[in-house]
Amino acid sequence: MKWFFALAFPALLSGCATQADLVSMTSATIGCPKKETQIKDQDMGWAAYTWTATCRGQTFYCTNSDIAGFGCSRELKPE
């Protein structure tokens, strides 16, 4: 699986990744099926690519950069 991320993330940063690639990478990280993962609010900044993913009523904020790497964090809702 690591080889997939090693090959896919440079393409993501260069803008070559498709929506399907982004859904695949994100769903694997957040633990949601691809068919239930929706991507929105994509932004290609100078140093990072960011997007929001939703699945099963949860929101995840994802980022990929050369410095920090790739990751998604779940939105924390007040108790």
PDB file of N, CA and C in Angstrom:
ATOM      1  N   MET A   1       0.824  -1.183   0.000  1.00  0.00           N
ATOM      2  CA  MET A   1       0.000   0.000   0.000  1.00  0.00           C
ATOM      3  C   MET A   1       0.874   1.256   0.000  1.00  0.00           C
ATOM      4  N   LYS A   2       2.034   1.204   0.639  1.00  0.00           N
ATOM      5  CA  LYS A   2       2.898   2.377   0.667  1.00  0.00           C
ATOM      6  C   LYS A   2       3.341   2.784  -0.728  1.00  0.00           C
ATOM      7  N   TRP A   3       3.557   1.821  -1.601  1.00  0.00           N
ATOM      8  CA  TRP A   3       3.971   2.165  -2.969  1.00  0.00           C
ATOM      9  C   TRP A   3       2.888   2.957  -3.675  1.00  0.00           C
ATOM     10  N   PHE A   4       1.616   2.662  -3.367  1.00  0.00           N
ATOM     11  CA  PHE A   4       0.511   3.407  -3.976  1.00  0.00           C
ATOM     12  C   PHE A   4       0.587   4.875  -3.579  1.00  0.00           C
ATOM     13  N   PHE A   5       0.791   5.141  -2.296  1.00  0.00           N
ATOM     14  CA  PHE A   5       0.876   6.515  -1.830  1.00  0.00           C
ATOM     15  C   PHE A   5       2.116   7.204  -2.384  1.00  0.00           C
ATOM     16  N   ALA A   6       3.215   6.480  -2.464  1.00  0.00           N
ATOM     17  CA  ALA A   6       4.447   7.068  -2.997  1.00  0.00           C
ATOM     18  C   ALA A   6       4.287   7.486  -4.449  1.00  0.00           C
ATOM     19  N   LEU A   7       3.516   6.737  -5.209  1.00  0.00           N
ATOM     20  CA  LEU A   7       3.296   7.079  -6.612  1.00  0.00           C
ATOM     21  C   LEU A   7       2.171   8.091  -6.797  1.00  0.00           C
ATOM     22  N   ALA A   8       1.145   8.015  -6.000  1.00  0.00           N
ATOM     23  CA  ALA A   8      -0.039   8.841  -6.198  1.00  0.00           C
ATOM     24  C   ALA A   8       0.122  10.263  -5.668  1.00  0.00           C
ATOM     25  N   PHE A   9       0.813  10.466  -4.566  1.00  0.00           N
ATOM     26  CA  PHE A   9       0.883  11.796  -3.983  1.00  0.00           C
ATOM     27  C   PHE A   9       1.661  12.802  -4.815  1.00  0.00           C
ATOM     28  N   PRO A  10       2.770  12.428  -5.439  1.00  0.00           N
ATOM     29  CA  PRO A  10       3.400  13.414  -6.329  1.00  0.00           C
ATOM     30  C   PRO A  10       2.467  13.840  -7.462  1.00  0.00           C
ATOM     31  N   ALA A  11       1.684  12.911  -7.968  1.00  0.00           N
ATOM     32  CA  ALA A  11       0.713  13.261  -9.009  1.00  0.00           C
ATOM     33  C   ALA A  11      -0.350  14.194  -8.452  1.00  0.00           C
ATOM     34  N   LEU A  12      -0.744  13.979  -7.224  1.00  0.00           N
ATOM     35  CA  LEU A  12      -1.744  14.835  -6.587  1.00  0.00           C
ATOM     36  C   LEU A  12      -1.222  16.260  -6.468  1.00  0.00           C
ATOM     37  N   LEU A  13       0.005  16.400  -6.024  1.00  0.00           N
ATOM     38  CA  LEU A  13       0.569  17.734  -5.878  1.00  0.00           C
ATOM     39  C   LEU A  13       0.774  18.419  -7.217  1.00  0.00           C
ATOM     40  N   SER A  14       1.029  17.662  -8.250  1.00  0.00           N
ATOM     41  CA  SER A  14       1.248  18.274  -9.551  1.00  0.00           C
ATOM     42  C   SER A  14      -0.058  18.570 -10.269  1.00  0.00           C
ATOM     43  N   GLY A  15      -1.182  18.153  -9.674  1.00  0.00           N
ATOM     44  CA  GLY A  15      -2.470  18.414 -10.286  1.00  0.00           C
ATOM     45  C   GLY A  15      -2.903  17.348 -11.271  1.00  0.00           C
ATOM     46  N   CYS A  16      -2.187  16.237 -11.343  1.00  0.00           N
ATOM     47  CA  CYS A  16      -2.498  15.178 -12.293  1.00  0.00           C
ATOM     48  C   CYS A  16      -3.466  14.143 -11.737  1.00  0.00           C
ATOM     49  N   ALA A  17      -3.685  14.157 -10.451  1.00  0.00           N
ATOM     50  CA  ALA A  17      -4.557  13.152  -9.851  1.00  0.00           C
ATOM     51  C   ALA A  17      -6.008  13.422 -10.227  1.00  0.00           C
ATOM     52  N   THR A  18      -6.745  12.366 -10.458  1.00  0.00           N
ATOM     53  CA  THR A  18      -8.158  12.502 -10.781  1.00  0.00           C
ATOM     54  C   THR A  18      -8.979  12.519  -9.500  1.00  0.00           C
ATOM     55  N   GLN A  19     -10.239  12.844  -9.628  1.00  0.00           N
ATOM     56  CA  GLN A  19     -11.145  12.816  -8.475  1.00  0.00           C
ATOM     57  C   GLN A  19     -11.196  11.404  -7.891  1.00  0.00           C
ATOM     58  N   ALA A  20     -11.184  10.398  -8.753  1.00  0.00           N
ATOM     59  CA  ALA A  20     -11.214   9.005  -8.287  1.00  0.00           C
ATOM     60  C   ALA A  20      -9.967   8.675  -7.471  1.00  0.00           C
ATOM     61  N   ASP A  21      -8.796   9.186  -7.888  1.00  0.00           N
ATOM     62  CA  ASP A  21      -7.557   8.972  -7.129  1.00  0.00           C
ATOM     63  C   ASP A  21      -7.676   9.581  -5.740  1.00  0.00           C
ATOM     64  N   LEU A  22      -8.196  10.786  -5.691  1.00  0.00           N
ATOM     65  CA  LEU A  22      -8.335  11.487  -4.419  1.00  0.00           C
ATOM     66  C   LEU A  22      -9.305  10.757  -3.496  1.00  0.00           C
ATOM     67  N   VAL A  23     -10.406  10.275  -4.035  1.00  0.00           N
ATOM     68  CA  VAL A  23     -11.375   9.506  -3.245  1.00  0.00           C
ATOM     69  C   VAL A  23     -10.728   8.228  -2.723  1.00  0.00           C
ATOM     70  N   SER A  24      -9.978   7.532  -3.566  1.00  0.00           N
ATOM     71  CA  SER A  24      -9.322   6.281  -3.146  1.00  0.00           C
ATOM     72  C   SER A  24      -8.342   6.507  -2.002  1.00  0.00           C
ATOM     73  N   MET A  25      -7.493   7.511  -2.142  1.00  0.00           N
ATOM     74  CA  MET A  25      -6.495   7.797  -1.105  1.00  0.00           C
ATOM     75  C   MET A  25      -7.165   8.236   0.196  1.00  0.00           C
ATOM     76  N   THR A  26      -8.171   9.084   0.073  1.00  0.00           N
ATOM     77  CA  THR A  26      -8.847   9.598   1.262  1.00  0.00           C
ATOM     78  C   THR A  26      -9.636   8.510   1.970  1.00  0.00           C
ATOM     79  N   SER A  27     -10.386   7.718   1.218  1.00  0.00           N
ATOM     80  CA  SER A  27     -11.207   6.685   1.854  1.00  0.00           C
ATOM     81  C   SER A  27     -10.341   5.668   2.594  1.00  0.00           C
ATOM     82  N   ALA A  28      -9.196   5.355   2.041  1.00  0.00           N
ATOM     83  CA  ALA A  28      -8.286   4.424   2.718  1.00  0.00           C
ATOM     84  C   ALA A  28      -7.782   5.012   4.036  1.00  0.00           C
ATOM     85  N   THR A  29      -7.578   6.302   4.063  1.00  0.00           N
ATOM     86  CA  THR A  29      -7.063   6.958   5.263  1.00  0.00           C
ATOM     87  C   THR A  29      -8.125   7.132   6.340  1.00  0.00           C
ATOM     88  N   ILE A  30      -9.333   7.502   5.942  1.00  0.00           N
ATOM     89  CA  ILE A  30     -10.372   7.773   6.943  1.00  0.00           C
ATOM     90  C   ILE A  30     -11.178   6.530   7.307  1.00  0.00           C
ATOM     91  N   GLY A  31     -10.975   5.436   6.564  1.00  0.00           N
ATOM     92  CA  GLY A  31     -11.654   4.184   6.889  1.00  0.00           C
ATOM     93  C   GLY A  31     -13.102   4.139   6.441  1.00  0.00           C
ATOM     94  N   CYS A  32     -13.401   4.769   5.334  1.00  0.00           N
ATOM     95  CA  CYS A  32     -14.757   4.781   4.783  1.00  0.00           C
ATOM     96  C   CYS A  32     -14.729   4.178   3.381  1.00  0.00           C
ATOM     97  N   PRO A  33     -15.803   3.524   2.966  1.00  0.00           N
ATOM     98  CA  PRO A  33     -15.848   2.996   1.600  1.00  0.00           C
ATOM     99  C   PRO A  33     -15.783   4.128   0.575  1.00  0.00           C
ATOM    100  N   LYS A  34     -15.168   3.846  -0.566  1.00  0.00           N
ATOM    101  CA  LYS A  34     -15.052   4.853  -1.625  1.00  0.00           C
ATOM    102  C   LYS A  34     -16.411   5.402  -2.048  1.00  0.00           C
ATOM    103  N   LYS A  35     -17.392   4.527  -2.150  1.00  0.00           N
ATOM    104  CA  LYS A  35     -18.698   4.975  -2.635  1.00  0.00           C
ATOM    105  C   LYS A  35     -19.411   5.897  -1.650  1.00  0.00           C
ATOM    106  N   GLU A  36     -18.948   5.953  -0.393  1.00  0.00           N
ATOM    107  CA  GLU A  36     -19.556   6.833   0.605  1.00  0.00           C
ATOM    108  C   GLU A  36     -18.703   8.066   0.909  1.00  0.00           C
ATOM    109  N   THR A  37     -17.552   8.175   0.271  1.00  0.00           N
ATOM    110  CA  THR A  37     -16.636   9.288   0.512  1.00  0.00           C
ATOM    111  C   THR A  37     -16.862  10.380  -0.524  1.00  0.00           C
ATOM    112  N   GLN A  38     -17.159  11.577  -0.050  1.00  0.00           N
ATOM    113  CA  GLN A  38     -17.348  12.714  -0.944  1.00  0.00           C
ATOM    114  C   GLN A  38     -16.264  13.754  -0.665  1.00  0.00           C
ATOM    115  N   ILE A  39     -15.717  14.302  -1.739  1.00  0.00           N
ATOM    116  CA  ILE A  39     -14.645  15.290  -1.666  1.00  0.00           C
ATOM    117  C   ILE A  39     -15.197  16.648  -2.089  1.00  0.00           C
ATOM    118  N   LYS A  40     -14.815  17.689  -1.356  1.00  0.00           N
ATOM    119  CA  LYS A  40     -15.198  19.048  -1.742  1.00  0.00           C
ATOM    120  C   LYS A  40     -14.147  20.027  -1.232  1.00  0.00           C
ATOM    121  N   ASP A  41     -14.312  21.274  -1.590  1.00  0.00           N
ATOM    122  CA  ASP A  41     -13.441  22.363  -1.123  1.00  0.00           C
ATOM    123  C   ASP A  41     -11.960  22.097  -1.386  1.00  0.00           C
ATOM    124  N   GLN A  42     -11.637  21.618  -2.564  1.00  0.00           N
ATOM    125  CA  GLN A  42     -10.241  21.377  -2.913  1.00  0.00           C
ATOM    126  C   GLN A  42      -9.530  22.704  -3.146  1.00  0.00           C
ATOM    127  N   ASP A  43      -8.302  22.805  -2.639  1.00  0.00           N
ATOM    128  CA  ASP A  43      -7.527  24.028  -2.816  1.00  0.00           C
ATOM    129  C   ASP A  43      -6.060  23.675  -2.991  1.00  0.00           C
ATOM    130  N   MET A  44      -5.477  24.153  -4.069  1.00  0.00           N
ATOM    131  CA  MET A  44      -4.056  23.932  -4.334  1.00  0.00           C
ATOM    132  C   MET A  44      -3.315  25.197  -3.941  1.00  0.00           C
ATOM    133  N   GLY A  45      -2.694  25.166  -2.782  1.00  0.00           N
ATOM    134  CA  GLY A  45      -1.924  26.308  -2.309  1.00  0.00           C
ATOM    135  C   GLY A  45      -0.484  26.210  -2.774  1.00  0.00           C
ATOM    136  N   TRP A  46       0.326  27.156  -2.325  1.00  0.00           N
ATOM    137  CA  TRP A  46       1.728  27.174  -2.726  1.00  0.00           C
ATOM    138  C   TRP A  46       2.491  25.990  -2.137  1.00  0.00           C
ATOM    139  N   ALA A  47       2.186  25.642  -0.889  1.00  0.00           N
ATOM    140  CA  ALA A  47       2.947  24.587  -0.216  1.00  0.00           C
ATOM    141  C   ALA A  47       2.132  23.342   0.094  1.00  0.00           C
ATOM    142  N   ALA A  48       0.823  23.380  -0.111  1.00  0.00           N
ATOM    143  CA  ALA A  48       0.003  22.227   0.256  1.00  0.00           C
ATOM    144  C   ALA A  48      -1.266  22.162  -0.589  1.00  0.00           C
ATOM    145  N   TYR A  49      -1.778  20.962  -0.692  1.00  0.00           N
ATOM    146  CA  TYR A  49      -3.059  20.704  -1.346  1.00  0.00           C
ATOM    147  C   TYR A  49      -4.015  20.301  -0.239  1.00  0.00           C
ATOM    148  N   THR A  50      -5.164  20.964  -0.134  1.00  0.00           N
ATOM    149  CA  THR A  50      -6.110  20.660   0.930  1.00  0.00           C
ATOM    150  C   THR A  50      -7.487  20.358   0.348  1.00  0.00           C
ATOM    151  N   TRP A  51      -8.285  19.606   1.106  1.00  0.00           N
ATOM    152  CA  TRP A  51      -9.651  19.295   0.715  1.00  0.00           C
ATOM    153  C   TRP A  51     -10.420  18.827   1.935  1.00  0.00           C
ATOM    154  N   THR A  52     -11.725  18.803   1.797  1.00  0.00           N
ATOM    155  CA  THR A  52     -12.612  18.325   2.847  1.00  0.00           C
ATOM    156  C   THR A  52     -13.282  17.055   2.344  1.00  0.00           C
ATOM    157  N   ALA A  53     -13.357  16.054   3.199  1.00  0.00           N
ATOM    158  CA  ALA A  53     -14.027  14.798   2.865  1.00  0.00           C
ATOM    159  C   ALA A  53     -15.161  14.577   3.853  1.00  0.00           C
ATOM    160  N   THR A  54     -16.262  14.051   3.352  1.00  0.00           N
ATOM    161  CA  THR A  54     -17.364  13.685   4.243  1.00  0.00           C
ATOM    162  C   THR A  54     -17.738  12.232   4.002  1.00  0.00           C
ATOM    163  N   CYS A  55     -18.115  11.574   5.092  1.00  0.00           N
ATOM    164  CA  CYS A  55     -18.530  10.180   5.018  1.00  0.00           C
ATOM    165  C   CYS A  55     -19.322   9.846   6.272  1.00  0.00           C
ATOM    166  N   ARG A  56     -20.489   9.264   6.069  1.00  0.00           N
ATOM    167  CA  ARG A  56     -21.324   8.807   7.183  1.00  0.00           C
ATOM    168  C   ARG A  56     -21.547   9.884   8.241  1.00  0.00           C
ATOM    169  N   GLY A  57     -21.794  11.106   7.775  1.00  0.00           N
ATOM    170  CA  GLY A  57     -22.095  12.202   8.684  1.00  0.00           C
ATOM    171  C   GLY A  57     -20.890  12.831   9.364  1.00  0.00           C
ATOM    172  N   GLN A  58     -19.693  12.354   9.045  1.00  0.00           N
ATOM    173  CA  GLN A  58     -18.486  12.913   9.640  1.00  0.00           C
ATOM    174  C   GLN A  58     -17.744  13.731   8.593  1.00  0.00           C
ATOM    175  N   THR A  59     -17.069  14.778   9.055  1.00  0.00           N
ATOM    176  CA  THR A  59     -16.275  15.631   8.184  1.00  0.00           C
ATOM    177  C   THR A  59     -14.804  15.460   8.534  1.00  0.00           C
ATOM    178  N   PHE A  60     -13.968  15.364   7.505  1.00  0.00           N
ATOM    179  CA  PHE A  60     -12.528  15.217   7.669  1.00  0.00           C
ATOM    180  C   PHE A  60     -11.828  16.309   6.876  1.00  0.00           C
ATOM    181  N   TYR A  61     -10.809  16.911   7.467  1.00  0.00           N
ATOM    182  CA  TYR A  61     -10.002  17.917   6.798  1.00  0.00           C
ATOM    183  C   TYR A  61      -8.675  17.270   6.427  1.00  0.00           C
ATOM    184  N   CYS A  62      -8.389  17.261   5.141  1.00  0.00           N
ATOM    185  CA  CYS A  62      -7.217  16.554   4.646  1.00  0.00           C
ATOM    186  C   CYS A  62      -6.225  17.511   4.007  1.00  0.00           C
ATOM    187  N   THR A  63      -4.968  17.148   4.087  1.00  0.00           N
ATOM    188  CA  THR A  63      -3.914  17.950   3.476  1.00  0.00           C
ATOM    189  C   THR A  63      -2.794  17.047   2.991  1.00  0.00           C
ATOM    190  N   ASN A  64      -2.095  17.526   1.981  1.00  0.00           N
ATOM    191  CA  ASN A  64      -0.917  16.840   1.485  1.00  0.00           C
ATOM    192  C   ASN A  64       0.119  17.899   1.134  1.00  0.00           C
ATOM    193  N   SER A  65       1.295  17.761   1.699  1.00  0.00           N
ATOM    194  CA  SER A  65       2.373  18.695   1.395  1.00  0.00           C
ATOM    195  C   SER A  65       3.706  17.966   1.448  1.00  0.00           C
ATOM    196  N   ASP A  66       4.703  18.560   0.797  1.00  0.00           N
ATOM    197  CA  ASP A  66       6.039  17.976   0.825  1.00  0.00           C
ATOM    198  C   ASP A  66       6.616  18.002   2.238  1.00  0.00           C
ATOM    199  N   ILE A  67       6.253  18.988   3.009  1.00  0.00           N
ATOM    200  CA  ILE A  67       6.819  19.147   4.354  1.00  0.00           C
ATOM    201  C   ILE A  67       6.108  18.267   5.373  1.00  0.00           C
ATOM    202  N   ALA A  68       4.792  18.368   5.457  1.00  0.00           N
ATOM    203  CA  ALA A  68       4.033  17.660   6.490  1.00  0.00           C
ATOM    204  C   ALA A  68       3.557  16.284   6.053  1.00  0.00           C
ATOM    205  N   GLY A  69       3.564  16.005   4.760  1.00  0.00           N
ATOM    206  CA  GLY A  69       3.077  14.720   4.276  1.00  0.00           C
ATOM    207  C   GLY A  69       1.568  14.734   4.104  1.00  0.00           C
ATOM    208  N   PHE A  70       0.961  13.564   4.143  1.00  0.00           N
ATOM    209  CA  PHE A  70      -0.468  13.420   3.909  1.00  0.00           C
ATOM    210  C   PHE A  70      -1.164  13.037   5.197  1.00  0.00           C
ATOM    211  N   GLY A  71      -2.360  13.582   5.389  1.00  0.00           N
ATOM    212  CA  GLY A  71      -3.143  13.189   6.546  1.00  0.00           C
ATOM    213  C   GLY A  71      -4.522  13.815   6.530  1.00  0.00           C
ATOM    214  N   CYS A  72      -5.409  13.216   7.293  1.00  0.00           N
ATOM    215  CA  CYS A  72      -6.769  13.724   7.457  1.00  0.00           C
ATOM    216  C   CYS A  72      -7.086  13.729   8.940  1.00  0.00           C
ATOM    217  N   SER A  73      -7.762  14.763   9.381  1.00  0.00           N
ATOM    218  CA  SER A  73      -8.190  14.817  10.769  1.00  0.00           C
ATOM    219  C   SER A  73      -9.699  15.033  10.804  1.00  0.00           C
ATOM    220  N   ARG A  74     -10.341  14.407  11.758  1.00  0.00           N
ATOM    221  CA  ARG A  74     -11.782  14.468  11.879  1.00  0.00           C
ATOM    222  C   ARG A  74     -12.204  15.764  12.550  1.00  0.00           C
ATOM    223  N   GLU A  75     -13.286  16.330  12.072  1.00  0.00           N
ATOM    224  CA  GLU A  75     -13.833  17.532  12.693  1.00  0.00           C
ATOM    225  C   GLU A  75     -14.322  17.174  14.088  1.00  0.00           C
ATOM    226  N   LEU A  76     -13.909  17.942  15.061  1.00  0.00           N
ATOM    227  CA  LEU A  76     -14.348  17.719  16.436  1.00  0.00           C
ATOM    228  C   LEU A  76     -15.619  18.511  16.665  1.00  0.00           C
ATOM    229  N   LYS A  77     -16.647  17.833  17.121  1.00  0.00           N
ATOM    230  CA  LYS A  77     -17.933  18.476  17.386  1.00  0.00           C
ATOM    231  C   LYS A  77     -18.061  18.723  18.881  1.00  0.00           C
ATOM    232  N   PRO A  78     -18.634  19.877  19.244  1.00  0.00           N
ATOM    233  CA  PRO A  78     -18.802  20.173  20.679  1.00  0.00           C
ATOM    234  C   PRO A  78     -19.725  19.154  21.333  1.00  0.00           C
ATOM    235  N   GLU A  79     -19.427  18.868  22.586  1.00  0.00           N
ATOM    236  CA  GLU A  79     -20.221  17.860  23.316  1.00  0.00           C
ATOM    237  C   GLU A  79     -21.455  18.473  23.899  1.00  0.00           C
TER     238      GLU A  79
END
